[in-house]
PDB file of N, CA and C in Angstrom:
ATOM      1  N   MET A   1     -65.860 -50.184 -90.758  1.00  0.00           N
ATOM      2  CA  MET A   1     -66.003 -48.248 -91.247  1.00  0.00           C
ATOM      3  C   MET A   1     -65.300 -47.658 -90.366  1.00  0.00           C
ATOM      4  N   LEU A   2     -64.583 -46.495 -91.943  1.00  0.00           N
ATOM      5  CA  LEU A   2     -62.968 -46.375 -91.988  1.00  0.00           C
ATOM      6  C   LEU A   2     -63.645 -44.598 -90.765  1.00  0.00           C
ATOM      7  N   LEU A   3     -62.617 -44.695 -89.740  1.00  0.00           N
ATOM      8  CA  LEU A   3     -62.776 -42.847 -88.946  1.00  0.00           C
ATOM      9  C   LEU A   3     -61.836 -42.020 -89.507  1.00  0.00           C
ATOM     10  N   LEU A   4     -62.073 -40.985 -89.336  1.00  0.00           N
ATOM     11  CA  LEU A   4     -61.074 -40.075 -89.822  1.00  0.00           C
ATOM     12  C   LEU A   4     -61.079 -38.645 -89.453  1.00  0.00           C
ATOM     13  N   GLN A   5     -59.956 -38.149 -88.569  1.00  0.00           N
ATOM     14  CA  GLN A   5     -60.437 -36.124 -88.597  1.00  0.00           C
ATOM     15  C   GLN A   5     -60.244 -36.122 -88.974  1.00  0.00           C
ATOM     16  N   ARG A   6     -61.203 -34.937 -89.387  1.00  0.00           N
ATOM     17  CA  ARG A   6     -60.786 -33.898 -90.271  1.00  0.00           C
ATOM     18  C   ARG A   6     -61.067 -32.244 -89.842  1.00  0.00           C
ATOM     19  N   HIS A   7     -60.601 -31.318 -90.108  1.00  0.00           N
ATOM     20  CA  HIS A   7     -60.480 -29.194 -89.153  1.00  0.00           C
ATOM     21  C   HIS A   7     -61.375 -28.967 -90.271  1.00  0.00           C
ATOM     22  N   ILE A   8     -61.315 -27.182 -89.317  1.00  0.00           N
ATOM     23  CA  ILE A   8     -62.268 -27.227 -89.961  1.00  0.00           C
ATOM     24  C   ILE A   8     -62.089 -27.141 -92.371  1.00  0.00           C
ATOM     25  N   ASN A   9     -62.320 -26.720 -92.563  1.00  0.00           N
ATOM     26  CA  ASN A   9     -62.442 -26.486 -93.687  1.00  0.00           C
ATOM     27  C   ASN A   9     -62.398 -27.814 -94.807  1.00  0.00           C
ATOM     28  N   GLU A  10     -61.178 -28.897 -93.990  1.00  0.00           N
ATOM     29  CA  GLU A  10     -61.033 -29.872 -94.891  1.00  0.00           C
ATOM     30  C   GLU A  10     -61.977 -30.729 -94.498  1.00  0.00           C
ATOM     31  N   SER A  11     -61.530 -32.315 -95.733  1.00  0.00           N
ATOM     32  CA  SER A  11     -62.983 -33.254 -96.917  1.00  0.00           C
ATOM     33  C   SER A  11     -62.189 -34.090 -97.058  1.00  0.00           C
ATOM     34  N   VAL A  12     -63.172 -34.759 -96.549  1.00  0.00           N
ATOM     35  CA  VAL A  12     -62.866 -35.993 -98.594  1.00  0.00           C
ATOM     36  C   VAL A  12     -63.695 -36.419 -99.061  1.00  0.00           C
ATOM     37  N   VAL A  13     -62.863 -37.379-100.071  1.00  0.00           N
ATOM     38  CA  VAL A  13     -63.791 -37.451-101.451  1.00  0.00           C
ATOM     39  C   VAL A  13     -64.105 -38.745-101.299  1.00  0.00           C
ATOM     40  N   ILE A  14     -65.677 -39.395-102.124  1.00  0.00           N
ATOM     41  CA  ILE A  14     -66.050 -40.569-101.828  1.00  0.00           C
ATOM     42  C   ILE A  14     -66.064 -41.187-103.183  1.00  0.00           C
ATOM     43  N   HIS A  15     -65.603 -41.854-103.944  1.00  0.00           N
ATOM     44  CA  HIS A  15     -66.662 -42.638-105.189  1.00  0.00           C
ATOM     45  C   HIS A  15     -66.757 -43.510-104.774  1.00  0.00           C
ATOM     46  N   ASN A  16     -67.245 -43.957-106.977  1.00  0.00           N
ATOM     47  CA  ASN A  16     -66.815 -45.540-106.708  1.00  0.00           C
ATOM     48  C   ASN A  16     -65.723 -45.949-107.641  1.00  0.00           C
ATOM     49  N   LYS A  17     -65.412 -47.533-107.023  1.00  0.00           N
ATOM     50  CA  LYS A  17     -64.276 -46.776-106.828  1.00  0.00           C
ATOM     51  C   LYS A  17     -63.691 -47.508-109.602  1.00  0.00           C
ATOM     52  N   ASP A  18     -64.961 -47.439-110.188  1.00  0.00           N
ATOM     53  CA  ASP A  18     -64.504 -47.411-111.232  1.00  0.00           C
ATOM     54  C   ASP A  18     -65.186 -46.732-111.693  1.00  0.00           C
ATOM     55  N   ASP A  19     -65.611 -45.303-111.262  1.00  0.00           N
ATOM     56  CA  ASP A  19     -65.923 -44.504-111.799  1.00  0.00           C
ATOM     57  C   ASP A  19     -64.640 -43.546-110.899  1.00  0.00           C
ATOM     58  N   PRO A  20     -63.977 -42.429-111.045  1.00  0.00           N
ATOM     59  CA  PRO A  20     -63.492 -41.952-109.650  1.00  0.00           C
ATOM     60  C   PRO A  20     -63.867 -40.362-110.036  1.00  0.00           C
ATOM     61  N   SER A  21     -63.879 -40.437-111.356  1.00  0.00           N
ATOM     62  CA  SER A  21     -65.013 -38.748-111.580  1.00  0.00           C
ATOM     63  C   SER A  21     -65.787 -38.317-111.162  1.00  0.00           C
ATOM     64  N   ASN A  22     -66.728 -39.549-110.480  1.00  0.00           N
ATOM     65  CA  ASN A  22     -67.842 -39.233-110.497  1.00  0.00           C
ATOM     66  C   ASN A  22     -68.431 -39.439-108.737  1.00  0.00           C
ATOM     67  N   CYS A  23     -68.438 -38.081-107.812  1.00  0.00           N
ATOM     68  CA  CYS A  23     -66.902 -38.388-106.680  1.00  0.00           C
ATOM     69  C   CYS A  23     -67.875 -37.830-105.823  1.00  0.00           C
ATOM     70  N   VAL A  24     -68.505 -37.562-104.833  1.00  0.00           N
ATOM     71  CA  VAL A  24     -69.455 -36.828-103.588  1.00  0.00           C
ATOM     72  C   VAL A  24     -68.051 -35.753-102.480  1.00  0.00           C
ATOM     73  N   VAL A  25     -68.021 -34.744-102.289  1.00  0.00           N
ATOM     74  CA  VAL A  25     -66.902 -34.777-101.728  1.00  0.00           C
ATOM     75  C   VAL A  25     -67.723 -34.159 -99.645  1.00  0.00           C
ATOM     76  N   VAL A  26     -67.539 -33.869 -98.746  1.00  0.00           N
ATOM     77  CA  VAL A  26     -68.279 -34.269 -97.296  1.00  0.00           C
ATOM     78  C   VAL A  26     -66.871 -33.123 -97.063  1.00  0.00           C
ATOM     79  N   ARG A  27     -66.655 -32.276 -96.543  1.00  0.00           N
ATOM     80  CA  ARG A  27     -66.061 -31.073 -96.574  1.00  0.00           C
ATOM     81  C   ARG A  27     -66.925 -30.587 -94.611  1.00  0.00           C
ATOM     82  N   VAL A  28     -66.268 -29.912 -93.459  1.00  0.00           N
ATOM     83  CA  VAL A  28     -66.319 -29.956 -92.503  1.00  0.00           C
ATOM     84  C   VAL A  28     -66.145 -28.258 -92.731  1.00  0.00           C
ATOM     85  N   CYS A  29     -67.492 -27.768 -92.017  1.00  0.00           N
ATOM     86  CA  CYS A  29     -67.859 -26.442 -92.301  1.00  0.00           C
ATOM     87  C   CYS A  29     -67.676 -25.584 -90.789  1.00  0.00           C
ATOM     88  N   ASP A  30     -67.832 -26.824 -89.824  1.00  0.00           N
ATOM     89  CA  ASP A  30     -67.990 -25.388 -88.776  1.00  0.00           C
ATOM     90  C   ASP A  30     -67.999 -26.359 -87.077  1.00  0.00           C
ATOM     91  N   VAL A  31     -67.252 -26.789 -86.400  1.00  0.00           N
ATOM     92  CA  VAL A  31     -67.427 -27.207 -85.134  1.00  0.00           C
ATOM     93  C   VAL A  31     -67.884 -26.785 -84.230  1.00  0.00           C
ATOM     94  N   TYR A  32     -68.673 -26.905 -83.493  1.00  0.00           N
ATOM     95  CA  TYR A  32     -69.158 -26.359 -82.150  1.00  0.00           C
ATOM     96  C   TYR A  32     -68.445 -26.623 -80.836  1.00  0.00           C
ATOM     97  N   PRO A  33     -68.293 -25.912 -80.170  1.00  0.00           N
ATOM     98  CA  PRO A  33     -67.689 -26.200 -78.257  1.00  0.00           C
ATOM     99  C   PRO A  33     -68.839 -26.878 -77.577  1.00  0.00           C
ATOM    100  N   THR A  34     -70.288 -27.452 -78.735  1.00  0.00           N
ATOM    101  CA  THR A  34     -70.424 -28.413 -77.961  1.00  0.00           C
ATOM    102  C   THR A  34     -70.074 -29.428 -78.760  1.00  0.00           C
ATOM    103  N   GLY A  35     -69.634 -30.296 -79.729  1.00  0.00           N
ATOM    104  CA  GLY A  35     -69.179 -30.345 -80.342  1.00  0.00           C
ATOM    105  C   GLY A  35     -70.316 -31.496 -81.797  1.00  0.00           C
ATOM    106  N   ASP A  36     -71.401 -30.427 -81.775  1.00  0.00           N
ATOM    107  CA  ASP A  36     -72.077 -30.443 -83.080  1.00  0.00           C
ATOM    108  C   ASP A  36     -71.080 -29.703 -84.369  1.00  0.00           C
ATOM    109  N   VAL A  37     -71.038 -30.254 -85.601  1.00  0.00           N
ATOM    110  CA  VAL A  37     -71.010 -30.534 -86.574  1.00  0.00           C
ATOM    111  C   VAL A  37     -71.571 -29.919 -87.671  1.00  0.00           C
ATOM    112  N   THR A  38     -70.961 -29.010 -88.705  1.00  0.00           N
ATOM    113  CA  THR A  38     -71.204 -28.495 -89.806  1.00  0.00           C
ATOM    114  C   THR A  38     -71.276 -29.178 -91.160  1.00  0.00           C
ATOM    115  N   LEU A  39     -71.823 -30.496 -91.666  1.00  0.00           N
ATOM    116  CA  LEU A  39     -70.962 -31.023 -92.627  1.00  0.00           C
ATOM    117  C   LEU A  39     -71.869 -30.651 -94.312  1.00  0.00           C
ATOM    118  N   GLY A  40     -70.984 -30.281 -95.400  1.00  0.00           N
ATOM    119  CA  GLY A  40     -71.398 -29.338 -96.237  1.00  0.00           C
ATOM    120  C   GLY A  40     -71.142 -31.191 -97.688  1.00  0.00           C
ATOM    121  N   PHE A  41     -72.224 -30.439 -98.132  1.00  0.00           N
ATOM    122  CA  PHE A  41     -71.872 -32.400 -98.801  1.00  0.00           C
ATOM    123  C   PHE A  41     -71.496 -31.315-100.839  1.00  0.00           C
ATOM    124  N   ILE A  42     -70.564 -32.310-101.323  1.00  0.00           N
ATOM    125  CA  ILE A  42     -70.878 -31.471-102.640  1.00  0.00           C
ATOM    126  C   ILE A  42     -70.900 -32.433-103.761  1.00  0.00           C
ATOM    127  N   GLY A  43     -71.570 -33.019-104.855  1.00  0.00           N
ATOM    128  CA  GLY A  43     -71.326 -34.162-105.356  1.00  0.00           C
ATOM    129  C   GLY A  43     -72.274 -33.378-106.945  1.00  0.00           C
ATOM    130  N   ASP A  44     -72.409 -33.873-108.017  1.00  0.00           N
ATOM    131  CA  ASP A  44     -74.025 -34.667-108.693  1.00  0.00           C
ATOM    132  C   ASP A  44     -74.330 -35.450-108.569  1.00  0.00           C
ATOM    133  N   ASN A  45     -75.608 -36.610-109.600  1.00  0.00           N
ATOM    134  CA  ASN A  45     -76.092 -36.817-109.322  1.00  0.00           C
ATOM    135  C   ASN A  45     -76.532 -37.819-107.882  1.00  0.00           C
ATOM    136  N   TYR A  46     -76.197 -37.757-106.837  1.00  0.00           N
ATOM    137  CA  TYR A  46     -76.120 -37.899-105.235  1.00  0.00           C
ATOM    138  C   TYR A  46     -77.160 -37.021-104.591  1.00  0.00           C
ATOM    139  N   THR A  47     -78.253 -38.160-103.760  1.00  0.00           N
ATOM    140  CA  THR A  47     -78.801 -37.260-102.892  1.00  0.00           C
ATOM    141  C   THR A  47     -78.666 -37.375-101.369  1.00  0.00           C
ATOM    142  N   VAL A  48     -78.225 -36.486-100.461  1.00  0.00           N
ATOM    143  CA  VAL A  48     -78.433 -36.292 -99.012  1.00  0.00           C
ATOM    144  C   VAL A  48     -78.733 -36.513 -98.137  1.00  0.00           C
ATOM    145  N   VAL A  49     -79.467 -37.392 -97.484  1.00  0.00           N
ATOM    146  CA  VAL A  49     -79.735 -37.835 -96.550  1.00  0.00           C
ATOM    147  C   VAL A  49     -80.488 -37.478 -95.312  1.00  0.00           C
ATOM    148  N   ARG A  50     -80.252 -37.306 -94.162  1.00  0.00           N
ATOM    149  CA  ARG A  50     -80.778 -38.117 -92.983  1.00  0.00           C
ATOM    150  C   ARG A  50     -80.965 -39.433 -92.498  1.00  0.00           C
ATOM    151  N   THR A  51     -80.388 -40.034 -91.773  1.00  0.00           N
ATOM    152  CA  THR A  51     -80.518 -41.902 -91.755  1.00  0.00           C
ATOM    153  C   THR A  51     -81.872 -41.722 -91.004  1.00  0.00           C
ATOM    154  N   GLU A  52     -82.938 -40.741 -90.325  1.00  0.00           N
ATOM    155  CA  GLU A  52     -83.690 -41.118 -89.794  1.00  0.00           C
ATOM    156  C   GLU A  52     -85.030 -40.774 -90.795  1.00  0.00           C
ATOM    157  N   ILE A  53     -84.487 -39.974 -91.177  1.00  0.00           N
ATOM    158  CA  ILE A  53     -85.938 -39.642 -93.367  1.00  0.00           C
ATOM    159  C   ILE A  53     -85.841 -40.597 -93.375  1.00  0.00           C
ATOM    160  N   PHE A  54     -84.098 -40.780 -93.857  1.00  0.00           N
ATOM    161  CA  PHE A  54     -84.130 -42.661 -94.905  1.00  0.00           C
ATOM    162  C   PHE A  54     -85.237 -43.674 -94.698  1.00  0.00           C
ATOM    163  N   ASN A  55     -84.327 -43.827 -93.375  1.00  0.00           N
ATOM    164  CA  ASN A  55     -85.451 -44.916 -92.257  1.00  0.00           C
ATOM    165  C   ASN A  55     -87.251 -44.914 -92.680  1.00  0.00           C
ATOM    166  N   GLN A  56     -87.474 -43.383 -92.832  1.00  0.00           N
ATOM    167  CA  GLN A  56     -88.820 -43.291 -92.939  1.00  0.00           C
ATOM    168  C   GLN A  56     -89.137 -43.889 -94.255  1.00  0.00           C
ATOM    169  N   ARG A  57     -88.904 -43.093 -95.321  1.00  0.00           N
ATOM    170  CA  ARG A  57     -89.528 -44.008 -96.395  1.00  0.00           C
ATOM    171  C   ARG A  57     -89.853 -44.854 -97.129  1.00  0.00           C
ATOM    172  N   THR A  58     -90.966 -44.307 -97.233  1.00  0.00           N
ATOM    173  CA  THR A  58     -92.104 -46.554 -97.772  1.00  0.00           C
ATOM    174  C   THR A  58     -91.734 -46.853 -99.117  1.00  0.00           C
ATOM    175  N   THR A  59     -92.021 -45.199 -99.566  1.00  0.00           N
ATOM    176  CA  THR A  59     -91.899 -45.346-101.102  1.00  0.00           C
ATOM    177  C   THR A  59     -91.197 -44.429-102.297  1.00  0.00           C
ATOM    178  N   LEU A  60     -90.749 -45.122-103.036  1.00  0.00           N
ATOM    179  CA  LEU A  60     -90.201 -44.436-104.400  1.00  0.00           C
ATOM    180  C   LEU A  60     -90.792 -42.304-104.062  1.00  0.00           C
ATOM    181  N   GLU A  61     -92.117 -42.457-104.454  1.00  0.00           N
ATOM    182  CA  GLU A  61     -93.254 -41.863-104.443  1.00  0.00           C
ATOM    183  C   GLU A  61     -92.697 -40.684-103.020  1.00  0.00           C
ATOM    184  N   GLU A  62     -92.793 -41.036-101.492  1.00  0.00           N
ATOM    185  CA  GLU A  62     -93.177 -40.476-100.412  1.00  0.00           C
ATOM    186  C   GLU A  62     -91.478 -39.424-100.908  1.00  0.00           C
ATOM    187  N   SER A  63     -90.464 -40.503-101.411  1.00  0.00           N
ATOM    188  CA  SER A  63     -88.856 -39.838-101.996  1.00  0.00           C
ATOM    189  C   SER A  63     -88.850 -38.379-101.974  1.00  0.00           C
ATOM    190  N   LEU A  64     -89.721 -38.686-103.484  1.00  0.00           N
ATOM    191  CA  LEU A  64     -89.459 -37.392-104.411  1.00  0.00           C
ATOM    192  C   LEU A  64     -89.887 -36.724-104.190  1.00  0.00           C
ATOM    193  N   CYS A  65     -91.243 -36.926-103.697  1.00  0.00           N
ATOM    194  CA  CYS A  65     -92.012 -36.454-102.778  1.00  0.00           C
ATOM    195  C   CYS A  65     -90.990 -34.941-101.345  1.00  0.00           C
ATOM    196  N   GLU A  66     -90.565 -35.355-100.821  1.00  0.00           N
ATOM    197  CA  GLU A  66     -89.694 -34.507 -99.019  1.00  0.00           C
ATOM    198  C   GLU A  66     -87.992 -34.129-100.338  1.00  0.00           C
ATOM    199  N   GLU A  67     -88.123 -35.144-101.757  1.00  0.00           N
ATOM    200  CA  GLU A  67     -86.905 -34.506-101.654  1.00  0.00           C
ATOM    201  C   GLU A  67     -86.214 -33.176-102.488  1.00  0.00           C
ATOM    202  N   ASN A  68     -88.050 -33.435-103.595  1.00  0.00           N
ATOM    203  CA  ASN A  68     -88.159 -32.368-104.336  1.00  0.00           C
ATOM    204  C   ASN A  68     -88.664 -31.018-102.975  1.00  0.00           C
ATOM    205  N   LEU A  69     -88.726 -31.299-101.624  1.00  0.00           N
ATOM    206  CA  LEU A  69     -89.710 -29.714-101.197  1.00  0.00           C
ATOM    207  C   LEU A  69     -88.604 -30.022 -99.785  1.00  0.00           C
ATOM    208  N   GLU A  70     -87.252 -30.373-100.099  1.00  0.00           N
ATOM    209  CA  GLU A  70     -86.060 -30.526 -99.307  1.00  0.00           C
ATOM    210  C   GLU A  70     -85.122 -29.223-100.151  1.00  0.00           C
ATOM    211  N   LEU A  71     -85.087 -29.840-101.091  1.00  0.00           N
ATOM    212  CA  LEU A  71     -84.093 -28.189-102.192  1.00  0.00           C
ATOM    213  C   LEU A  71     -85.227 -27.186-102.664  1.00  0.00           C
ATOM    214  N   GLU A  72     -86.634 -27.430-102.669  1.00  0.00           N
ATOM    215  CA  GLU A  72     -86.889 -25.695-102.730  1.00  0.00           C
ATOM    216  C   GLU A  72     -86.525 -25.258-101.815  1.00  0.00           C
ATOM    217  N   THR A  73     -86.938 -25.954-100.645  1.00  0.00           N
ATOM    218  CA  THR A  73     -86.425 -25.411 -98.752  1.00  0.00           C
ATOM    219  C   THR A  73     -84.921 -24.813 -98.613  1.00  0.00           C
ATOM    220  N   GLN A  74     -84.088 -25.290 -99.278  1.00  0.00           N
ATOM    221  CA  GLN A  74     -82.842 -24.749 -99.077  1.00  0.00           C
ATOM    222  C   GLN A  74     -82.557 -23.989-100.364  1.00  0.00           C
ATOM    223  N   GLU A  75     -83.336 -23.630-101.078  1.00  0.00           N
ATOM    224  CA  GLU A  75     -82.698 -23.261-102.333  1.00  0.00           C
ATOM    225  C   GLU A  75     -83.914 -21.794-102.035  1.00  0.00           C
ATOM    226  N   GLN A  76     -85.159 -22.151-100.943  1.00  0.00           N
ATOM    227  CA  GLN A  76     -84.664 -20.667-100.236  1.00  0.00           C
ATOM    228  C   GLN A  76     -84.036 -19.478-100.250  1.00  0.00           C
ATOM    229  N   TYR A  77     -83.586 -20.099 -98.424  1.00  0.00           N
ATOM    230  CA  TYR A  77     -82.283 -20.000 -97.460  1.00  0.00           C
ATOM    231  C   TYR A  77     -81.521 -19.138 -98.482  1.00  0.00           C
ATOM    232  N   TYR A  78     -80.912 -20.567 -99.181  1.00  0.00           N
ATOM    233  CA  TYR A  78     -78.678 -20.547 -99.994  1.00  0.00           C
ATOM    234  C   TYR A  78     -78.745 -19.546-101.295  1.00  0.00           C
ATOM    235  N   GLY A  79     -80.535 -20.480-101.588  1.00  0.00           N
ATOM    236  CA  GLY A  79     -80.110 -19.616-103.651  1.00  0.00           C
ATOM    237  C   GLY A  79     -79.891 -20.675-103.974  1.00  0.00           C
ATOM    238  N   LYS A  80     -79.401 -20.749-106.053  1.00  0.00           N
ATOM    239  CA  LYS A  80     -79.294 -21.951-106.313  1.00  0.00           C
ATOM    240  C   LYS A  80     -78.457 -21.775-106.547  1.00  0.00           C
ATOM    241  N   GLN A  81     -77.441 -23.031-105.666  1.00  0.00           N
ATOM    242  CA  GLN A  81     -75.192 -23.257-105.900  1.00  0.00           C
ATOM    243  C   GLN A  81     -75.313 -24.252-107.381  1.00  0.00           C
ATOM    244  N   THR A  82     -73.904 -23.457-107.527  1.00  0.00           N
ATOM    245  CA  THR A  82     -73.260 -24.389-108.467  1.00  0.00           C
ATOM    246  C   THR A  82     -72.158 -25.787-107.223  1.00  0.00           C
ATOM    247  N   ASN A  83     -72.092 -26.888-108.260  1.00  0.00           N
ATOM    248  CA  ASN A  83     -71.063 -27.763-107.442  1.00  0.00           C
ATOM    249  C   ASN A  83     -69.892 -28.355-108.075  1.00  0.00           C
ATOM    250  N   SER A  84     -68.756 -26.400-108.008  1.00  0.00           N
ATOM    251  CA  SER A  84     -67.796 -26.298-108.871  1.00  0.00           C
ATOM    252  C   SER A  84     -66.273 -26.462-107.626  1.00  0.00           C
ATOM    253  N   TYR A  85     -66.918 -26.537-106.748  1.00  0.00           N
ATOM    254  CA  TYR A  85     -65.664 -27.300-105.293  1.00  0.00           C
ATOM    255  C   TYR A  85     -65.118 -28.569-105.740  1.00  0.00           C
ATOM    256  N   TYR A  86     -64.177 -29.211-105.897  1.00  0.00           N
ATOM    257  CA  TYR A  86     -63.769 -30.320-105.600  1.00  0.00           C
ATOM    258  C   TYR A  86     -62.563 -30.884-105.026  1.00  0.00           C
ATOM    259  N   GLY A  87     -62.330 -29.711-103.831  1.00  0.00           N
ATOM    260  CA  GLY A  87     -60.588 -29.707-103.234  1.00  0.00           C
ATOM    261  C   GLY A  87     -60.285 -30.369-101.988  1.00  0.00           C
TER     262      GLY A  87
END
């Protein structure tokens, strides 16, 4: 496991060694006094799911339904966003 320290608005980039153009950016958006951290994820063709939800999946069909519901909920609250920042 790689451990990194990042401050607010700093990010890390994750990509496959064979295709660095297809990446996901993880950015620290907020750090609260309680120690909680808000992370932002930017990347096309990736699904980001909390571990506890990922481990509960039993079928591909359930996963797809869950992802569509989660995406619709996010779009209702935040609006549809484009992935234009990779830095």
